[in-house]
Structure formats: structure tokens, C-alpha cells
Amino acid sequence: MPTITVKNIPPDVYDLLKQSAAANRRSINSEIITHIERGVLGRKIDPEALLARARHLRHKTKSHSLTDREFKAAKHAGRL
């Protein structure tokens, strides 16, 4: 099997990988492979489904326009 060497992993990322590996009873190597597989194979975006969902949401919310105040409040709440 091919081998990859990853250099300069930030210490906080490495610590999170270590914790995740321990929680899942895997080696760090196995944990990294699992994360790579999920990243590469995981979420494939279907552009047509995404567009259909956006159109549905736009149609559903067409009757309500956000005021600047509502928009700023929602934006702020999303950052908490």
C-alpha cells in the first residue's frame, strides 16, 4: 500500500487526533486513514439536488424579507 508522510501537524490538531483515536480504540494511523476516507469518500455534492433545495427554500421564504436588524442579529447569533 502507498505511504504518505504528513509534516508540520499543528500540536492542537495532533492532540485532537490522539483523543479521537483513543475514543474510537484505534491507532493514530488508523484514525487518520478514517478521517481521510470520510473526507474523500464522504460527502459528494449533487449540484442538481443542492440547486433544487435552494429553490425550494427561496420559494418557501419569498414572503418574508429580512430587515437589516434581523440579518445582523441572525449573523451574530450564528457566531456564538
N, C-alpha and C. Protein backbone atom coordinates (compact mmCIF):
# COMPACT_ATOMS: atom_id res chain seq x y z
N MET A 1 0.84 -1.19 0.00
CA MET A 1 0.00 0.00 0.00
C MET A 1 0.87 1.24 0.00
N PRO A 2 0.39 2.30 -0.62
CA PRO A 2 1.14 3.56 -0.61
C PRO A 2 1.25 4.13 0.80
N THR A 3 2.29 4.91 1.00
CA THR A 3 2.53 5.55 2.29
C THR A 3 2.62 7.05 2.09
N ILE A 4 2.05 7.80 3.03
CA ILE A 4 2.10 9.26 2.99
C ILE A 4 2.71 9.73 4.31
N THR A 5 3.62 10.68 4.21
CA THR A 5 4.17 11.31 5.40
C THR A 5 3.58 12.70 5.50
N VAL A 6 3.02 13.01 6.65
CA VAL A 6 2.44 14.33 6.86
C VAL A 6 3.33 15.07 7.84
N LYS A 7 3.81 16.23 7.42
CA LYS A 7 4.71 17.02 8.26
C LYS A 7 4.02 18.26 8.78
N ASN A 8 4.57 18.79 9.85
CA ASN A 8 4.12 20.07 10.42
C ASN A 8 2.66 20.07 10.85
N ILE A 9 2.22 18.99 11.48
CA ILE A 9 0.86 18.93 12.01
C ILE A 9 0.81 19.83 13.24
N PRO A 10 -0.11 20.77 13.28
CA PRO A 10 -0.21 21.64 14.46
C PRO A 10 -0.46 20.79 15.72
N PRO A 11 0.17 21.15 16.82
CA PRO A 11 0.02 20.36 18.05
C PRO A 11 -1.43 20.16 18.49
N ASP A 12 -2.27 21.18 18.34
CA ASP A 12 -3.66 21.03 18.76
C ASP A 12 -4.41 20.04 17.87
N VAL A 13 -4.08 20.01 16.58
CA VAL A 13 -4.71 19.04 15.67
C VAL A 13 -4.25 17.63 16.02
N TYR A 14 -2.96 17.49 16.30
CA TYR A 14 -2.42 16.18 16.68
C TYR A 14 -3.09 15.69 17.97
N ASP A 15 -3.24 16.58 18.94
CA ASP A 15 -3.88 16.20 20.21
C ASP A 15 -5.32 15.74 19.98
N LEU A 16 -6.04 16.44 19.10
CA LEU A 16 -7.42 16.04 18.79
C LEU A 16 -7.46 14.69 18.10
N LEU A 17 -6.52 14.44 17.19
CA LEU A 17 -6.44 13.14 16.53
C LEU A 17 -6.16 12.04 17.55
N LYS A 18 -5.26 12.31 18.47
CA LYS A 18 -4.91 11.36 19.52
C LYS A 18 -6.13 11.03 20.39
N GLN A 19 -6.85 12.06 20.77
CA GLN A 19 -8.06 11.86 21.59
C GLN A 19 -9.12 11.08 20.82
N SER A 20 -9.30 11.43 19.56
CA SER A 20 -10.28 10.74 18.73
C SER A 20 -9.90 9.28 18.54
N ALA A 21 -8.62 9.02 18.31
CA ALA A 21 -8.14 7.64 18.15
C ALA A 21 -8.40 6.83 19.42
N ALA A 22 -8.10 7.42 20.57
CA ALA A 22 -8.31 6.72 21.84
C ALA A 22 -9.80 6.44 22.06
N ALA A 23 -10.63 7.43 21.77
CA ALA A 23 -12.08 7.26 21.96
C ALA A 23 -12.64 6.17 21.06
N ASN A 24 -12.05 6.02 19.88
CA ASN A 24 -12.52 5.02 18.91
C ASN A 24 -11.73 3.72 18.96
N ARG A 25 -10.80 3.63 19.93
CA ARG A 25 -9.96 2.44 20.10
C ARG A 25 -9.21 2.08 18.82
N ARG A 26 -8.61 3.12 18.23
CA ARG A 26 -7.82 2.94 17.01
C ARG A 26 -6.44 3.53 17.23
N SER A 27 -5.51 3.10 16.40
CA SER A 27 -4.19 3.75 16.40
C SER A 27 -4.36 5.12 15.75
N ILE A 28 -3.38 5.97 15.95
CA ILE A 28 -3.43 7.29 15.32
C ILE A 28 -3.43 7.13 13.80
N ASN A 29 -2.64 6.20 13.30
CA ASN A 29 -2.60 5.94 11.86
C ASN A 29 -3.98 5.54 11.34
N SER A 30 -4.64 4.61 12.03
CA SER A 30 -5.98 4.18 11.60
C SER A 30 -6.98 5.32 11.68
N GLU A 31 -6.83 6.16 12.69
CA GLU A 31 -7.73 7.30 12.84
C GLU A 31 -7.55 8.28 11.69
N ILE A 32 -6.31 8.53 11.32
CA ILE A 32 -6.03 9.44 10.20
C ILE A 32 -6.60 8.87 8.90
N ILE A 33 -6.43 7.57 8.68
CA ILE A 33 -6.98 6.94 7.47
C ILE A 33 -8.49 7.08 7.46
N THR A 34 -9.13 6.87 8.60
CA THR A 34 -10.59 7.02 8.70
C THR A 34 -11.02 8.44 8.33
N HIS A 35 -10.30 9.44 8.85
CA HIS A 35 -10.64 10.83 8.54
C HIS A 35 -10.41 11.15 7.07
N ILE A 36 -9.35 10.63 6.49
CA ILE A 36 -9.09 10.85 5.06
C ILE A 36 -10.20 10.21 4.23
N GLU A 37 -10.57 8.97 4.57
CA GLU A 37 -11.64 8.29 3.83
C GLU A 37 -12.95 9.07 3.90
N ARG A 38 -13.28 9.54 5.09
CA ARG A 38 -14.52 10.32 5.24
C ARG A 38 -14.46 11.61 4.43
N GLY A 39 -13.29 12.23 4.42
CA GLY A 39 -13.13 13.48 3.67
C GLY A 39 -13.20 13.28 2.18
N VAL A 40 -12.59 12.20 1.71
CA VAL A 40 -12.53 11.95 0.27
C VAL A 40 -13.79 11.26 -0.24
N LEU A 41 -14.27 10.29 0.51
CA LEU A 41 -15.40 9.50 0.05
C LEU A 41 -16.74 9.98 0.60
N GLY A 42 -16.67 10.75 1.66
CA GLY A 42 -17.86 11.15 2.41
C GLY A 42 -18.91 11.88 1.63
N ARG A 43 -18.90 13.18 1.73
CA ARG A 43 -19.98 13.98 1.21
C ARG A 43 -19.72 14.40 -0.23
N LYS A 44 -20.37 13.71 -1.13
CA LYS A 44 -20.33 14.11 -2.54
C LYS A 44 -21.51 15.06 -2.75
N ILE A 45 -21.24 16.19 -3.33
CA ILE A 45 -22.29 17.18 -3.53
C ILE A 45 -22.95 16.96 -4.88
N ASP A 46 -24.27 16.83 -4.84
CA ASP A 46 -25.06 16.71 -6.06
C ASP A 46 -25.55 18.11 -6.40
N PRO A 47 -24.98 18.74 -7.44
CA PRO A 47 -25.34 20.12 -7.75
C PRO A 47 -26.83 20.31 -8.04
N GLU A 48 -27.44 19.34 -8.69
CA GLU A 48 -28.87 19.47 -9.01
C GLU A 48 -29.72 19.43 -7.74
N ALA A 49 -29.38 18.54 -6.81
CA ALA A 49 -30.12 18.46 -5.55
C ALA A 49 -29.92 19.72 -4.73
N LEU A 50 -28.70 20.24 -4.73
CA LEU A 50 -28.41 21.48 -4.00
C LEU A 50 -29.20 22.65 -4.58
N LEU A 51 -29.24 22.73 -5.90
CA LEU A 51 -29.99 23.79 -6.56
C LEU A 51 -31.49 23.66 -6.29
N ALA A 52 -32.00 22.43 -6.32
CA ALA A 52 -33.42 22.21 -6.04
C ALA A 52 -33.75 22.62 -4.60
N ARG A 53 -32.87 22.29 -3.68
CA ARG A 53 -33.08 22.67 -2.27
C ARG A 53 -33.05 24.19 -2.11
N ALA A 54 -32.12 24.85 -2.79
CA ALA A 54 -32.04 26.32 -2.72
C ALA A 54 -33.31 26.95 -3.29
N ARG A 55 -33.79 26.42 -4.39
CA ARG A 55 -35.02 26.96 -5.00
C ARG A 55 -36.22 26.77 -4.07
N HIS A 56 -36.27 25.59 -3.44
CA HIS A 56 -37.36 25.30 -2.51
C HIS A 56 -37.33 26.28 -1.34
N LEU A 57 -36.16 26.49 -0.77
CA LEU A 57 -36.04 27.41 0.36
C LEU A 57 -36.35 28.85 -0.04
N ARG A 58 -35.90 29.23 -1.23
CA ARG A 58 -36.18 30.59 -1.71
C ARG A 58 -37.69 30.79 -1.88
N HIS A 59 -38.36 29.78 -2.45
CA HIS A 59 -39.81 29.86 -2.63
C HIS A 59 -40.52 29.90 -1.28
N LYS A 60 -40.05 29.08 -0.36
CA LYS A 60 -40.67 28.98 0.96
C LYS A 60 -40.54 30.28 1.76
N THR A 61 -39.45 31.00 1.58
CA THR A 61 -39.21 32.22 2.36
C THR A 61 -39.46 33.50 1.56
N LYS A 62 -40.03 33.36 0.38
CA LYS A 62 -40.23 34.51 -0.50
C LYS A 62 -41.08 35.60 0.14
N SER A 63 -42.03 35.21 0.96
CA SER A 63 -42.95 36.19 1.53
C SER A 63 -42.35 36.98 2.70
N HIS A 64 -41.17 36.60 3.16
CA HIS A 64 -40.57 37.30 4.31
C HIS A 64 -39.18 37.81 3.94
N SER A 65 -39.05 39.11 3.99
CA SER A 65 -37.74 39.72 3.76
C SER A 65 -37.13 40.07 5.11
N LEU A 66 -35.86 39.81 5.26
CA LEU A 66 -35.17 40.16 6.49
C LEU A 66 -34.83 41.64 6.49
N THR A 67 -35.06 42.25 7.62
CA THR A 67 -34.60 43.62 7.77
C THR A 67 -33.10 43.56 8.07
N ASP A 68 -32.45 44.69 7.95
CA ASP A 68 -31.02 44.75 8.26
C ASP A 68 -30.78 44.34 9.71
N ARG A 69 -31.66 44.77 10.58
CA ARG A 69 -31.53 44.44 12.01
C ARG A 69 -31.66 42.92 12.24
N GLU A 70 -32.66 42.28 11.60
CA GLU A 70 -32.84 40.83 11.74
C GLU A 70 -31.64 40.07 11.18
N PHE A 71 -31.14 40.54 10.05
CA PHE A 71 -29.99 39.89 9.44
C PHE A 71 -28.77 39.95 10.35
N LYS A 72 -28.50 41.13 10.90
CA LYS A 72 -27.36 41.30 11.80
C LYS A 72 -27.51 40.45 13.06
N ALA A 73 -28.73 40.37 13.59
CA ALA A 73 -28.98 39.56 14.79
C ALA A 73 -28.74 38.08 14.51
N ALA A 74 -29.23 37.60 13.36
CA ALA A 74 -29.04 36.20 12.99
C ALA A 74 -27.56 35.91 12.74
N LYS A 75 -26.90 36.83 12.09
CA LYS A 75 -25.46 36.68 11.82
C LYS A 75 -24.68 36.60 13.13
N HIS A 76 -25.02 37.47 14.06
CA HIS A 76 -24.34 37.47 15.36
C HIS A 76 -24.64 36.17 16.13
N ALA A 77 -25.89 35.73 16.11
CA ALA A 77 -26.27 34.50 16.82
C ALA A 77 -25.55 33.28 16.25
N GLY A 78 -25.31 33.28 14.95
CA GLY A 78 -24.61 32.16 14.32
C GLY A 78 -23.15 32.08 14.69
N ARG A 79 -22.61 33.14 15.23
CA ARG A 79 -21.19 33.16 15.61
C ARG A 79 -20.97 32.79 17.07
N LEU A 80 -22.04 32.60 17.81
CA LEU A 80 -21.91 32.29 19.24
C LEU A 80 -21.59 30.83 19.44
